[in-house]
Each structure stands twice: as C-alpha cells, then as structure tokens.
Amino acid sequence: MAVIVKLKSGNWRVQVRRKGQYASRTFLRKCDADDWAIQTKRDIDSGKQPAKRVRGAATTFGDLIDLHIGDLTDVGKPLRRSKDHVLRRLKEDIGDTPLADMTKPELISFGRRRAKEGAGPATLAIDFCFIGTVMTHAAAVHDIAVDPEQLRLARYALRRLGLIAKANERDRRPTADELKRILHYLDTAPRVEIPMGRIVRFAIATAMRSEEIHKIRWVDRDPDRKTVLIKDRKDPRKKEGNDQFVPLVAFTGFDAWALLEEQREWTRVRDRCFPYNHRSSETAFRRCVRALEIEDLHFHDLRHEATSRLFEAGLAIEQVALVTGHKDWKQLKRYTNLKPEQLHRLPNQPLVVEAPTKPSRESTTAPALPANVILLRTHTESDARPS
C-alpha cells in the first residue's frame, strides 16, 4: 500500500509498503508523489527493487531540489517556511533546466529575468544562495557532477550589474513623540483583547522578537535571578536547541521584570506569559501606526530601538549580547553609533548582571558569562554587618 501525507512544510511524503519491501520519498508536488508511488508498486510487483534516489536519476535542477528536500526530511530537518517558499519558486522557474544547461549564461539570464519581474538585489542574492546550497548538497552527498564555477561567475556578473547586493541594514527607530503617541493609542484603545501597550514596552525593555515574546512560559521564569529562558531562540546557524537565559533588565526606560509581573493579572492560570498569536500582535501594531499615520515603522524596529537604548545606557557589546542573544558581536556594531552628548549619561559603574548558575524547573543549562561581567549575589538581612 502507499501512504501519501502532506507535511507541515507543504511537501508530500510518500511511503510504500508492499510484499515486505519499503520505500519512501518526498516531493514538492502531489502529482509527482502519486506517479512515484504507482511506479514503485509496479517495480515491486515485477520483482524489481524500489526506486532509489541515485545519481543517474537526477537530470534537471528540479531533481536536485527534490534530493535536497528529501535528504533533509529523512534526517528530521524539514524546511522552514522561507526556504521552502524560495525552493518552490526556483523549481517553478528553472526546475526543468537540464543540469548540463546550468551554465553561467543561463544563470545570468535567469537573474535578469527575475529582476525584470521585480525581484530586488537582496531577493536575487537569496535565490542564488539557495541555488548554491542545492548544487553543493548534490555534489557532496550524491556525487552529482555540477560546476560551482559557473554559479560563482554568474553571481559575480550579476553583482557587477547591480542586480545582486546585500540587503540594506534597517535602522528605523521611533522618535520620542511617535512612541508616546503609539503607547497612548494602545493604552486607550477600546475593546482590546491583547495588551499591546504592555507588549510594546516589554519589546523595548528586552529587545526580544515578537515570536520570542509570545512563547515565554511562566515555568521558564527565575524570580531569584530575574531571568527567563527563551527556547529555540532564532539563530541563522542553529535552528533548534538554541535555548538562552535572558536577564530581564530595566536599562531602556522600561522595567522588563515589572512588566511581566503586571502581565500575570491578565494570563491568570495560562501556560504562556503572553498567550496570544504573535502575528495578531504584529497586525495590531500595524493598524496602530497606520491609524496614527506613522510611516515605515514595523514591530521588529522595536528590537533595534531596544538594542540602541542598551548601548546608550552605557553597556558594552558583550553585555548587550546577553540581552539580545547575538552570538556574533560584529552584528551589534551598527548599534554603537552614539551621539557625543550621550557620553554624559553613561553610568560610572560597570553593569551588574544576575545570571543563572543552574537551570530552573524545565530549563537546560545556564550560559557561560563573559569574564568582564560582574555577577551579583543577592544579599539578605543576614548579610548585613554593623557599621
């Protein structure tokens, strides 16, 4: 029998069990899955071995995409939404291209065509990055003969033509007046089920992304150290298992820990601290700025605002990284452009950070702290000494 299941990624997984034999593959399109299932059952009935993903079977770039997706699925690493979207589009655009035709002229032609369709330089850079990933995977895992030099030359040519470039670093920050108006609007809006004013303040206090804010659970809080565990925090190199302890500080003008305590009255016995869909919060924020006629301001810009405020408060890069979760300090350099007058407001003492030395409740392990961060031991009345 053949079982065809649609995965969360949108792909189709086929499992064929027949006469004691088993075969499995993953496809982008259901029609391809149906055809493969029928052919596999015929092969088994005629005494042949089930069709395997072999080098000779890959003749087009679309075949390489299928190999890549299938291999990742087999090892329990299904595609994330953005990568799945790009690969689907690439298969539609150049999936039928024979491997022998994946040459520099053909790739440059594809890039020009995408640019005419409206794809910007950053979008094209992502397209060609995934083309390279698929081709490298085919060569490394399946020994398929592809020519990476053709891709390299095509990318170089498109960069020289201005059709491929890095995305511009966004540095939009809300002004003091804009933030005041936003908070007043959110605090006074009638019939609001989501406490958006508190969520916006918490975002600026913690530099957390919207999805991270909405996944925090009460059991992941550590009241003694005023930290919270963020599980699977976003990291370009590690998609899962990137659990981080984050100190809930009050350096940005908002007290993260106090805001979380206020939120307890809203959630009562619910598992998550902010038990709402993060997309709903982002939509509410967009409606707010649209109603206030504030241009070009996104919820994610609050993370930039928070990070900038942490630097303006006098924190060093390694100290800010404890809050923001950046593992590459180079990414934080663009937030360090302080104004001369801000030096007068820098603190005289180094930052004192409470960080967990052991996991709390369902937590994993506590992070190693940089050597120049001073750890604070909580004092009690028994620690007092007579003067």
Protein backbone atom coordinates (compact mmCIF):
# COMPACT_ATOMS: atom_id res chain seq x y z
CA MET A 1 0.00 0.00 0.00
CA ALA A 2 1.04 3.64 -0.49
CA VAL A 3 0.53 6.36 2.09
CA ILE A 4 0.85 9.98 0.97
CA VAL A 5 0.99 12.60 3.71
CA LYS A 6 1.21 16.37 3.40
CA LEU A 7 3.94 17.71 5.69
CA LYS A 8 3.85 20.99 7.62
CA SER A 9 6.31 22.39 5.08
CA GLY A 10 3.75 21.81 2.31
CA ASN A 11 5.72 18.97 0.73
CA TRP A 12 4.30 15.47 0.15
CA ARG A 13 5.87 12.40 1.70
CA VAL A 14 5.18 9.00 0.08
CA GLN A 15 5.65 5.73 1.95
CA VAL A 16 5.20 2.47 0.04
CA ARG A 17 4.98 -0.87 1.88
CA ARG A 18 4.42 -3.84 -0.38
CA LYS A 19 5.44 -7.52 -0.22
CA GLY A 20 7.79 -6.92 2.67
CA GLN A 21 9.59 -4.04 0.99
CA TYR A 22 9.60 -0.38 1.95
CA ALA A 23 10.41 2.82 0.06
CA SER A 24 9.93 6.49 0.90
CA ARG A 25 10.41 9.81 -0.89
CA THR A 26 9.37 13.44 -0.53
CA PHE A 27 8.07 15.66 -3.33
CA LEU A 28 7.10 19.29 -3.76
CA ARG A 29 4.00 18.39 -5.81
CA LYS A 30 1.37 15.78 -5.03
CA CYS A 31 1.11 14.70 -8.66
CA ASP A 32 4.79 13.73 -8.58
CA ALA A 33 4.18 11.81 -5.37
CA ASP A 34 1.26 9.92 -6.95
CA ASP A 35 3.30 8.99 -10.04
CA TRP A 36 6.25 7.78 -7.98
CA ALA A 37 4.01 5.68 -5.72
CA ILE A 38 2.39 3.95 -8.71
CA GLN A 39 5.73 3.26 -10.38
CA THR A 40 7.26 1.96 -7.14
CA LYS A 41 4.41 -0.51 -6.60
CA ARG A 42 4.78 -1.73 -10.19
CA ASP A 43 8.53 -2.22 -9.68
CA ILE A 44 7.95 -4.26 -6.52
CA ASP A 45 5.24 -6.38 -8.19
CA SER A 46 7.57 -7.14 -11.10
CA GLY A 47 10.35 -8.24 -8.76
CA LYS A 48 12.46 -5.10 -9.05
CA GLN A 49 13.92 -3.19 -6.14
CA PRO A 50 12.05 0.00 -5.15
CA ALA A 51 13.28 3.10 -6.96
CA LYS A 52 16.12 4.79 -5.13
CA ARG A 53 17.41 8.34 -5.29
CA VAL A 54 20.52 7.67 -7.33
CA ARG A 55 22.89 9.87 -9.25
CA GLY A 56 21.63 8.79 -12.63
CA ALA A 57 18.05 9.74 -11.79
CA ALA A 58 18.91 13.43 -11.38
CA THR A 59 18.80 15.11 -14.77
CA THR A 60 17.32 18.54 -14.00
CA PHE A 61 17.81 21.20 -11.37
CA GLY A 62 14.35 20.33 -10.05
CA ASP A 63 15.66 16.83 -9.34
CA LEU A 64 18.43 18.34 -7.23
CA ILE A 65 15.85 20.31 -5.26
CA ASP A 66 13.88 17.11 -4.61
CA LEU A 67 17.04 15.35 -3.46
CA HIS A 68 17.88 18.19 -1.11
CA ILE A 69 14.41 18.33 0.43
CA GLY A 70 14.15 14.56 0.70
CA ASP A 71 17.51 14.21 2.44
CA LEU A 72 16.69 16.93 4.96
CA THR A 73 13.31 15.37 5.67
CA ASP A 74 14.86 11.93 6.14
CA VAL A 75 17.12 13.22 8.91
CA GLY A 76 14.33 15.12 10.65
CA LYS A 77 15.13 18.60 9.36
CA PRO A 78 12.12 19.75 7.32
CA LEU A 79 12.35 23.07 5.54
CA ARG A 80 11.43 26.26 7.29
CA ARG A 81 8.79 28.46 5.71
CA SER A 82 11.12 30.94 3.98
CA LYS A 83 13.44 28.32 2.49
CA ASP A 84 10.50 26.20 1.38
CA HIS A 85 8.98 29.23 -0.37
CA VAL A 86 12.21 30.05 -2.22
CA LEU A 87 12.83 26.47 -3.34
CA ARG A 88 9.26 26.12 -4.58
CA ARG A 89 9.65 29.24 -6.69
CA LEU A 90 13.05 28.13 -8.00
CA LYS A 91 11.59 24.80 -9.05
CA GLU A 92 8.80 26.57 -10.90
CA ASP A 93 11.23 28.95 -12.63
CA ILE A 94 14.23 26.75 -13.50
CA GLY A 95 13.27 23.30 -12.22
CA ASP A 96 13.05 21.91 -15.78
CA THR A 97 16.53 23.14 -16.71
CA PRO A 98 18.84 20.20 -17.52
CA LEU A 99 21.92 20.03 -15.33
CA ALA A 100 24.13 20.43 -18.38
CA ASP A 101 22.45 23.79 -19.05
CA MET A 102 23.08 25.22 -15.55
CA THR A 103 25.79 27.40 -17.03
CA LYS A 104 26.88 30.97 -16.48
CA PRO A 105 24.83 32.41 -19.40
CA GLU A 106 21.71 30.51 -18.33
CA LEU A 107 22.05 31.64 -14.71
CA ILE A 108 22.68 35.25 -15.72
CA SER A 109 19.62 35.10 -17.95
CA PHE A 110 17.58 33.79 -15.02
CA GLY A 111 18.84 36.65 -12.83
CA ARG A 112 17.97 39.28 -15.45
CA ARG A 113 14.53 37.77 -15.90
CA ARG A 114 13.85 37.79 -12.14
CA ALA A 115 14.98 41.42 -11.94
CA LYS A 116 12.56 42.41 -14.72
CA GLU A 117 9.79 40.69 -12.78
CA GLY A 118 10.51 42.99 -9.84
CA ALA A 119 12.92 40.98 -7.69
CA GLY A 120 15.30 43.30 -5.86
CA PRO A 121 19.05 42.79 -5.40
CA ALA A 122 18.63 41.29 -1.92
CA THR A 123 15.94 38.86 -3.15
CA LEU A 124 18.16 37.73 -6.03
CA ALA A 125 21.03 37.25 -3.61
CA ILE A 126 18.84 34.86 -1.60
CA ASP A 127 17.80 33.00 -4.77
CA PHE A 128 21.39 32.40 -5.81
CA CYS A 129 22.40 31.47 -2.28
CA PHE A 130 19.86 28.64 -2.30
CA ILE A 131 20.85 27.59 -5.81
CA GLY A 132 24.38 27.21 -4.49
CA THR A 133 23.16 25.29 -1.44
CA VAL A 134 21.23 22.79 -3.58
CA MET A 135 24.10 22.28 -6.03
CA THR A 136 26.69 21.88 -3.28
CA HIS A 137 24.47 19.35 -1.49
CA ALA A 138 24.08 17.33 -4.70
CA ALA A 139 27.83 17.24 -5.25
CA ALA A 140 28.78 16.50 -1.65
CA VAL A 141 26.11 13.95 -0.75
CA HIS A 142 25.27 12.30 -4.09
CA ASP A 143 28.46 12.83 -6.14
CA ILE A 144 26.46 14.53 -8.86
CA ALA A 145 28.66 16.39 -11.33
CA VAL A 146 27.81 20.09 -11.10
CA ASP A 147 30.06 23.02 -11.89
CA PRO A 148 30.12 25.52 -9.00
CA GLU A 149 32.44 27.78 -11.02
CA GLN A 150 29.58 28.56 -13.40
CA LEU A 151 27.44 29.71 -10.47
CA ARG A 152 30.29 31.75 -8.97
CA LEU A 153 30.91 33.58 -12.24
CA ALA A 154 27.19 34.23 -12.74
CA ARG A 155 26.87 35.72 -9.24
CA TYR A 156 29.92 37.90 -9.83
CA ALA A 157 28.48 39.17 -13.12
CA LEU A 158 25.10 39.95 -11.55
CA ARG A 159 26.79 41.80 -8.69
CA ARG A 160 28.74 43.90 -11.19
CA LEU A 161 25.46 44.66 -12.97
CA GLY A 162 23.91 45.75 -9.68
CA LEU A 163 21.28 43.00 -9.79
CA ILE A 164 22.65 41.20 -6.70
CA ALA A 165 23.52 43.02 -3.49
CA LYS A 166 23.22 42.72 0.25
CA ALA A 167 20.03 43.94 1.88
CA ASN A 168 20.24 47.44 3.29
CA GLU A 169 20.57 47.39 7.07
CA ARG A 170 17.41 48.82 8.53
CA ASP A 171 17.99 51.46 11.20
CA ARG A 172 14.50 52.91 11.68
CA ARG A 173 13.81 53.93 15.28
CA PRO A 174 10.60 55.51 16.58
CA THR A 175 11.00 59.08 17.71
CA ALA A 176 10.08 60.01 21.28
CA ASP A 177 6.90 61.65 20.01
CA GLU A 178 5.95 58.63 17.87
CA LEU A 179 6.46 56.24 20.76
CA LYS A 180 4.43 58.44 23.08
CA ARG A 181 1.56 58.55 20.61
CA ILE A 182 1.74 54.78 19.97
CA LEU A 183 1.60 53.90 23.66
CA HIS A 184 -1.25 56.34 24.31
CA TYR A 185 -3.21 54.89 21.39
CA LEU A 186 -2.68 51.30 22.51
CA ASP A 187 -3.42 52.04 26.17
CA THR A 188 -6.69 53.84 25.43
CA ALA A 189 -7.99 51.77 22.51
CA PRO A 190 -11.44 50.35 23.37
CA ARG A 191 -12.28 46.64 23.31
CA VAL A 192 -8.67 45.49 23.01
CA GLU A 193 -8.16 41.84 23.95
CA ILE A 194 -4.37 41.93 23.57
CA PRO A 195 -2.46 44.23 25.98
CA MET A 196 -0.46 45.79 23.16
CA GLY A 197 0.82 48.69 25.25
CA ARG A 198 2.50 46.28 27.65
CA ILE A 199 3.81 44.12 24.80
CA VAL A 200 5.41 47.15 23.10
CA ARG A 201 7.00 48.25 26.37
CA PHE A 202 8.25 44.71 27.01
CA ALA A 203 9.73 44.55 23.49
CA ILE A 204 11.71 47.72 24.11
CA ALA A 205 12.75 46.51 27.56
CA THR A 206 14.03 43.11 26.37
CA ALA A 207 14.98 43.53 22.66
CA MET A 208 13.04 40.32 22.01
CA ARG A 209 11.44 39.47 18.71
CA SER A 210 7.66 39.23 18.61
CA GLU A 211 7.67 35.43 18.36
CA GLU A 212 10.08 35.15 21.31
CA ILE A 213 7.87 37.34 23.49
CA HIS A 214 4.82 35.23 22.80
CA LYS A 215 6.49 31.89 23.53
CA ILE A 216 7.67 32.76 27.08
CA ARG A 217 6.18 30.41 29.70
CA TRP A 218 5.70 31.12 33.38
CA VAL A 219 7.67 28.00 34.31
CA ASP A 220 10.69 29.37 32.45
CA ARG A 221 10.97 32.42 34.72
CA ASP A 222 13.54 32.51 37.52
CA PRO A 223 12.31 35.02 40.14
CA ASP A 224 15.53 34.78 42.16
CA ARG A 225 17.73 35.89 39.28
CA LYS A 226 15.13 37.79 37.25
CA THR A 227 15.83 35.83 34.09
CA VAL A 228 13.70 33.95 31.62
CA LEU A 229 14.56 31.01 29.38
CA ILE A 230 13.86 31.52 25.67
CA LYS A 231 13.77 28.16 23.92
CA ASP A 232 14.90 27.73 20.32
CA ARG A 233 15.90 31.37 20.01
CA LYS A 234 16.46 32.45 16.43
CA ASP A 235 19.96 31.76 15.15
CA PRO A 236 20.98 31.60 11.45
CA ARG A 237 23.30 28.64 12.12
CA LYS A 238 21.29 26.68 14.67
CA LYS A 239 17.57 26.35 14.02
CA GLU A 240 16.70 24.23 17.06
CA GLY A 241 18.06 23.74 20.55
CA ASN A 242 19.32 27.32 20.88
CA ASP A 243 17.97 27.86 24.40
CA GLN A 244 19.12 31.06 26.11
CA PHE A 245 18.72 32.62 29.53
CA VAL A 246 17.83 36.29 29.13
CA PRO A 247 18.15 38.82 32.00
CA LEU A 248 15.04 40.96 32.40
CA VAL A 249 16.61 44.38 32.90
CA ALA A 250 15.47 47.99 33.28
CA PHE A 251 18.10 49.88 31.28
CA THR A 252 15.91 51.04 28.38
CA GLY A 253 13.37 53.15 30.25
CA PHE A 254 11.05 50.19 30.88
CA ASP A 255 11.38 47.52 33.58
CA ALA A 256 11.04 44.13 31.91
CA TRP A 257 10.53 42.19 35.14
CA ALA A 258 7.86 44.59 36.43
CA LEU A 259 6.00 44.40 33.11
CA LEU A 260 5.98 40.61 33.33
CA GLU A 261 4.55 40.80 36.84
CA GLU A 262 1.80 43.10 35.59
CA GLN A 263 1.02 40.63 32.84
CA ARG A 264 0.28 37.92 35.40
CA GLU A 265 -3.07 39.57 36.14
CA TRP A 266 -4.07 39.07 32.51
CA THR A 267 -2.98 35.50 31.98
CA ARG A 268 -4.02 34.03 35.35
CA VAL A 269 -3.56 30.24 35.01
CA ARG A 270 -2.47 30.11 31.38
CA ASP A 271 0.81 28.46 30.43
CA ARG A 272 2.33 31.29 28.41
CA CYS A 273 3.01 34.75 29.74
CA PHE A 274 1.66 36.38 26.58
CA PRO A 275 -0.86 33.76 25.36
CA TYR A 276 -1.60 35.37 22.01
CA ASN A 277 -0.61 34.72 18.42
CA HIS A 278 2.46 36.81 17.62
CA ARG A 279 1.07 37.59 14.18
CA SER A 280 -2.04 39.06 15.78
CA SER A 281 0.12 41.39 17.86
CA GLU A 282 2.10 42.45 14.80
CA THR A 283 -1.16 43.12 12.95
CA ALA A 284 -2.45 45.23 15.85
CA PHE A 285 0.79 47.22 15.80
CA ARG A 286 0.48 47.83 12.06
CA ARG A 287 -3.09 49.05 12.50
CA CYS A 288 -1.92 51.40 15.22
CA VAL A 289 0.84 53.07 13.21
CA ARG A 290 -1.46 53.25 10.20
CA ALA A 291 -4.14 54.99 12.26
CA LEU A 292 -1.55 57.44 13.61
CA GLU A 293 -0.15 58.00 10.09
CA ILE A 294 3.34 56.97 11.18
CA GLU A 295 5.31 55.88 8.13
CA ASP A 296 7.72 52.98 7.74
CA LEU A 297 7.67 51.62 11.29
CA HIS A 298 7.47 47.88 11.97
CA PHE A 299 7.19 45.90 15.19
CA HIS A 300 10.67 44.47 14.62
CA ASP A 301 12.05 48.03 14.70
CA LEU A 302 11.38 47.94 18.45
CA ARG A 303 14.21 45.41 18.74
CA HIS A 304 16.53 47.90 17.06
CA GLU A 305 15.27 50.62 19.41
CA ALA A 306 15.87 48.42 22.46
CA THR A 307 19.39 47.45 21.37
CA SER A 308 20.30 51.07 20.71
CA ARG A 309 18.99 52.10 24.13
CA LEU A 310 21.10 49.42 25.82
CA PHE A 311 24.22 50.91 24.23
CA GLU A 312 23.09 54.42 25.08
CA ALA A 313 22.78 53.29 28.69
CA GLY A 314 26.50 52.51 28.65
CA LEU A 315 26.52 48.74 28.28
CA ALA A 316 29.41 47.06 26.48
CA ILE A 317 28.90 44.86 23.42
CA GLU A 318 29.27 41.61 25.36
CA GLN A 319 26.77 42.83 27.94
CA VAL A 320 24.22 43.85 25.32
CA ALA A 321 24.65 40.43 23.68
CA LEU A 322 23.43 38.79 26.91
CA VAL A 323 20.11 40.56 26.39
CA THR A 324 19.74 40.50 22.61
CA GLY A 325 21.09 36.97 22.09
CA HIS A 326 23.57 37.95 19.35
CA LYS A 327 26.41 35.44 19.14
CA ASP A 328 28.34 37.40 16.54
CA TRP A 329 29.30 40.71 18.15
CA LYS A 330 30.01 42.19 14.72
CA GLN A 331 26.27 42.35 14.16
CA LEU A 332 25.98 44.72 17.12
CA LYS A 333 28.49 47.28 15.88
CA ARG A 334 25.91 49.17 13.88
CA TYR A 335 24.04 49.96 17.11
CA THR A 336 27.04 51.64 18.76
CA ASN A 337 26.94 54.98 16.96
CA LEU A 338 26.29 57.15 19.99
CA LYS A 339 25.95 60.91 19.96
CA PRO A 340 28.65 62.93 21.79
CA GLU A 341 26.21 64.34 24.34
CA GLN A 342 25.19 60.80 25.35
CA LEU A 343 28.58 60.22 26.96
CA HIS A 344 27.50 62.46 29.83
CA ARG A 345 24.75 59.98 30.68
CA LEU A 346 26.92 56.89 30.84
CA PRO A 347 27.00 55.14 34.25
CA ASN A 348 30.13 55.33 36.38
CA GLN A 349 29.93 51.70 37.46
CA PRO A 350 30.15 48.54 35.35
CA LEU A 351 26.99 46.61 34.60
CA VAL A 352 25.95 44.16 37.29
CA VAL A 353 24.08 41.23 35.77
CA GLU A 354 22.37 38.43 37.60
CA ALA A 355 22.65 35.26 35.54
CA PRO A 356 21.58 31.74 36.45
CA THR A 357 24.20 29.26 37.54
CA LYS A 358 21.84 26.32 37.22
CA PRO A 359 18.68 25.63 35.23
CA SER A 360 15.32 26.39 36.74
CA ARG A 361 12.45 23.94 36.58
CA GLU A 362 12.36 22.64 32.99
CA SER A 363 15.38 24.67 31.91
CA THR A 364 18.51 23.27 30.39
CA THR A 365 21.93 24.59 31.38
CA ALA A 366 22.89 28.12 32.31
CA PRO A 367 25.03 30.06 29.83
CA ALA A 368 28.69 30.84 30.33
CA LEU A 369 29.15 34.54 31.02
CA PRO A 370 31.93 36.75 29.64
CA ALA A 371 34.74 37.33 32.12
CA ASN A 372 34.18 41.07 32.35
CA VAL A 373 30.55 40.81 33.52
CA ILE A 374 30.19 41.19 37.26
CA LEU A 375 27.83 38.67 38.85
CA LEU A 376 25.67 39.95 41.66
CA ARG A 377 24.97 37.80 44.74
CA THR A 378 21.61 38.65 46.23
CA HIS A 379 22.09 39.93 49.79
CA THR A 380 19.67 39.29 52.62
CA GLU A 381 19.28 40.82 56.03
CA SER A 382 21.58 38.15 57.47
CA ASP A 383 24.37 39.54 55.28
CA ALA A 384 24.22 42.93 56.95
CA ARG A 385 27.10 43.92 59.15
CA PRO A 386 27.14 46.60 61.84
CA SER A 387 28.71 49.81 60.71
